[in-house]
């Protein structure tokens, strides 16, 4: 099911933003909250931070300019990731069979090293997004979604 969601998002990204100029749904607070709730739920469920869900929705449904999507999605991902991690700590606290070093279902040692690596990676990604422009970013992100979906379909 998740692979289908990824492929749908990739399709919308490949198509681009074909919105009419008549409406500006990104000003709808209700639509933004519903989008955030969906991205948060899927992000926490899949452990992906919500960006894979948020980016296609922001471009194709909320009609945000591609250049603004990555930064906004990254800012939202902070909250999704932090609250998702706290949920996994809470849900796993006291569960028998988990390694002693874990906080619930979270391995803090692994998380710290991944976070350290993500700092220069995030800076490089922001630089490349600004340098390449919106259309290139949108197409590259769509390709990544297709590759991830393909891996999920083939490997399960």
Protein backbone atom coordinates (compact mmCIF):
# COMPACT_ATOMS: atom_id res chain seq x y z
CA UNK A 1 0.00 0.00 0.00
CA UNK A 2 2.83 2.35 0.85
CA UNK A 3 4.48 1.64 -2.52
CA UNK A 4 1.24 2.65 -4.26
CA UNK A 5 1.20 5.89 -2.26
CA UNK A 6 4.79 6.59 -3.33
CA UNK A 7 4.00 5.89 -6.99
CA UNK A 8 0.97 8.19 -6.85
CA UNK A 9 3.13 10.94 -5.37
CA UNK A 10 5.80 10.38 -8.03
CA UNK A 11 3.18 10.58 -10.77
CA UNK A 12 1.91 13.91 -9.44
CA UNK A 13 5.47 15.23 -9.23
CA UNK A 14 6.31 14.14 -12.78
CA UNK A 15 3.14 15.85 -14.04
CA UNK A 16 4.01 19.09 -12.30
CA UNK A 17 1.63 21.67 -10.91
CA UNK A 18 -1.29 22.08 -13.29
CA UNK A 19 -3.43 24.09 -10.91
CA UNK A 20 -5.71 26.80 -12.11
CA UNK A 21 -5.03 30.22 -10.69
CA UNK A 22 -8.60 30.51 -9.40
CA UNK A 23 -8.03 29.17 -5.91
CA UNK A 24 -5.25 29.24 -3.38
CA UNK A 25 -5.83 26.17 -1.17
CA UNK A 26 -2.54 26.62 0.69
CA UNK A 27 -4.25 29.38 2.68
CA UNK A 28 -6.77 26.91 4.09
CA UNK A 29 -5.70 26.18 7.67
CA UNK A 30 -7.94 23.12 7.77
CA UNK A 31 -6.31 21.67 4.64
CA UNK A 32 -2.84 22.38 6.05
CA UNK A 33 -3.71 20.69 9.36
CA UNK A 34 -5.21 17.66 7.61
CA UNK A 35 -2.12 17.41 5.38
CA UNK A 36 0.14 17.64 8.41
CA UNK A 37 -1.87 14.99 10.25
CA UNK A 38 -1.65 12.62 7.30
CA UNK A 39 2.07 13.20 6.87
CA UNK A 40 2.67 12.82 10.60
CA UNK A 41 0.70 9.58 10.83
CA UNK A 42 2.33 8.00 7.78
CA UNK A 43 5.74 9.36 8.75
CA UNK A 44 5.58 7.94 12.26
CA UNK A 45 4.08 4.67 11.08
CA UNK A 46 6.81 4.16 8.47
CA UNK A 47 9.64 5.93 10.29
CA UNK A 48 10.23 8.31 7.38
CA UNK A 49 9.73 11.74 8.92
CA UNK A 50 6.79 12.50 6.64
CA UNK A 51 8.74 14.15 3.81
CA UNK A 52 7.89 11.43 1.30
CA UNK A 53 4.23 12.20 1.95
CA UNK A 54 4.52 15.94 2.51
CA UNK A 55 6.49 16.95 -0.60
CA UNK A 56 4.12 15.55 -3.26
CA UNK A 57 1.09 16.91 -1.39
CA UNK A 58 2.62 20.36 -1.00
CA UNK A 59 3.49 20.56 -4.70
CA UNK A 60 0.48 18.94 -6.34
CA UNK A 61 -2.40 19.63 -3.96
CA UNK A 62 -1.37 22.67 -1.91
CA UNK A 63 0.27 24.32 -4.97
CA UNK A 64 3.41 25.49 -3.20
CA UNK A 65 6.29 26.56 -5.43
CA UNK A 66 8.79 23.71 -5.64
CA UNK A 67 11.60 25.93 -4.37
CA UNK A 68 9.77 26.43 -1.04
CA UNK A 69 8.67 22.86 -0.48
CA UNK A 70 11.94 21.30 0.66
CA UNK A 71 12.60 23.90 3.34
CA UNK A 72 9.05 23.89 4.65
CA UNK A 73 8.89 20.09 4.63
CA UNK A 74 12.22 19.90 6.47
CA UNK A 75 10.95 22.27 9.15
CA UNK A 76 7.83 20.15 9.60
CA UNK A 77 9.94 16.97 9.65
CA UNK A 78 11.61 18.16 12.86
CA UNK A 79 8.30 18.01 14.70
CA UNK A 80 7.20 14.76 13.01
CA UNK A 81 10.50 13.06 13.79
CA UNK A 82 10.75 14.26 17.37
CA UNK A 83 7.16 13.43 18.28
CA UNK A 84 7.32 10.12 16.40
CA UNK A 85 10.47 9.15 18.28
CA UNK A 86 8.90 10.11 21.61
CA UNK A 87 5.90 7.94 20.72
CA UNK A 88 8.18 4.96 20.05
CA UNK A 89 10.01 5.56 23.34
CA UNK A 90 6.70 5.67 25.22
CA UNK A 91 5.15 2.68 23.42
CA UNK A 92 8.23 0.52 23.92
CA UNK A 93 9.13 1.51 27.46
CA UNK A 94 9.29 -1.57 29.66
CA UNK A 95 8.77 -4.06 26.80
CA UNK A 96 10.65 -7.28 27.54
CA UNK A 97 13.28 -8.47 25.09
CA UNK A 98 14.58 -5.10 23.93
CA UNK A 99 18.30 -4.38 24.37
CA UNK A 100 19.20 -2.57 27.60
CA UNK A 101 20.66 0.40 25.73
CA UNK A 102 17.35 1.12 23.96
CA UNK A 103 14.86 3.73 25.10
CA UNK A 104 11.68 1.86 24.29
CA UNK A 105 11.96 1.09 20.58
CA UNK A 106 14.61 3.77 20.00
CA UNK A 107 18.34 3.08 19.85
CA UNK A 108 19.81 6.42 20.99
CA UNK A 109 23.39 5.47 20.04
CA UNK A 110 22.43 4.80 16.44
CA UNK A 111 20.20 7.88 16.35
CA UNK A 112 23.07 10.15 17.46
CA UNK A 113 25.45 8.93 14.75
CA UNK A 114 22.77 9.18 12.06
CA UNK A 115 21.94 12.72 13.25
CA UNK A 116 25.61 13.72 13.07
CA UNK A 117 25.79 12.49 9.47
CA UNK A 118 22.53 14.17 8.55
CA UNK A 119 23.82 17.65 9.43
CA UNK A 120 26.26 18.02 6.51
CA UNK A 121 23.91 15.96 4.31
CA UNK A 122 21.05 18.38 4.95
CA UNK A 123 23.26 21.38 4.19
CA UNK A 124 24.41 19.78 0.93
CA UNK A 125 20.81 18.98 -0.02
CA UNK A 126 19.70 22.56 0.65
CA UNK A 127 22.58 23.91 -1.43
CA UNK A 128 21.86 21.56 -4.35
CA UNK A 129 18.14 22.34 -4.24
CA UNK A 130 18.84 26.06 -4.45
CA UNK A 131 21.44 25.58 -7.19
CA UNK A 132 19.42 23.18 -9.40
CA UNK A 133 16.08 24.91 -9.14
CA UNK A 134 12.53 23.71 -8.59
CA UNK A 135 11.88 21.58 -11.67
CA UNK A 136 15.07 19.54 -11.27
CA UNK A 137 14.34 19.01 -7.57
CA UNK A 138 10.77 17.94 -8.33
CA UNK A 139 11.85 15.41 -10.97
CA UNK A 140 14.71 14.01 -8.85
CA UNK A 141 12.37 13.58 -5.89
CA UNK A 142 9.87 11.78 -8.14
CA UNK A 143 12.64 9.43 -9.32
CA UNK A 144 13.59 8.69 -5.71
CA UNK A 145 9.94 7.88 -4.92
CA UNK A 146 9.77 5.47 -7.87
CA UNK A 147 13.01 3.75 -6.80
CA UNK A 148 11.81 3.38 -3.19
CA UNK A 149 8.43 2.07 -4.37
CA UNK A 150 10.16 -0.40 -6.71
CA UNK A 151 12.33 -1.69 -3.88
CA UNK A 152 9.26 -2.11 -1.65
CA UNK A 153 7.37 -3.98 -4.38
CA UNK A 154 10.29 -6.26 -5.29
CA UNK A 155 11.71 -6.92 -1.82
CA UNK A 156 8.53 -6.52 0.19
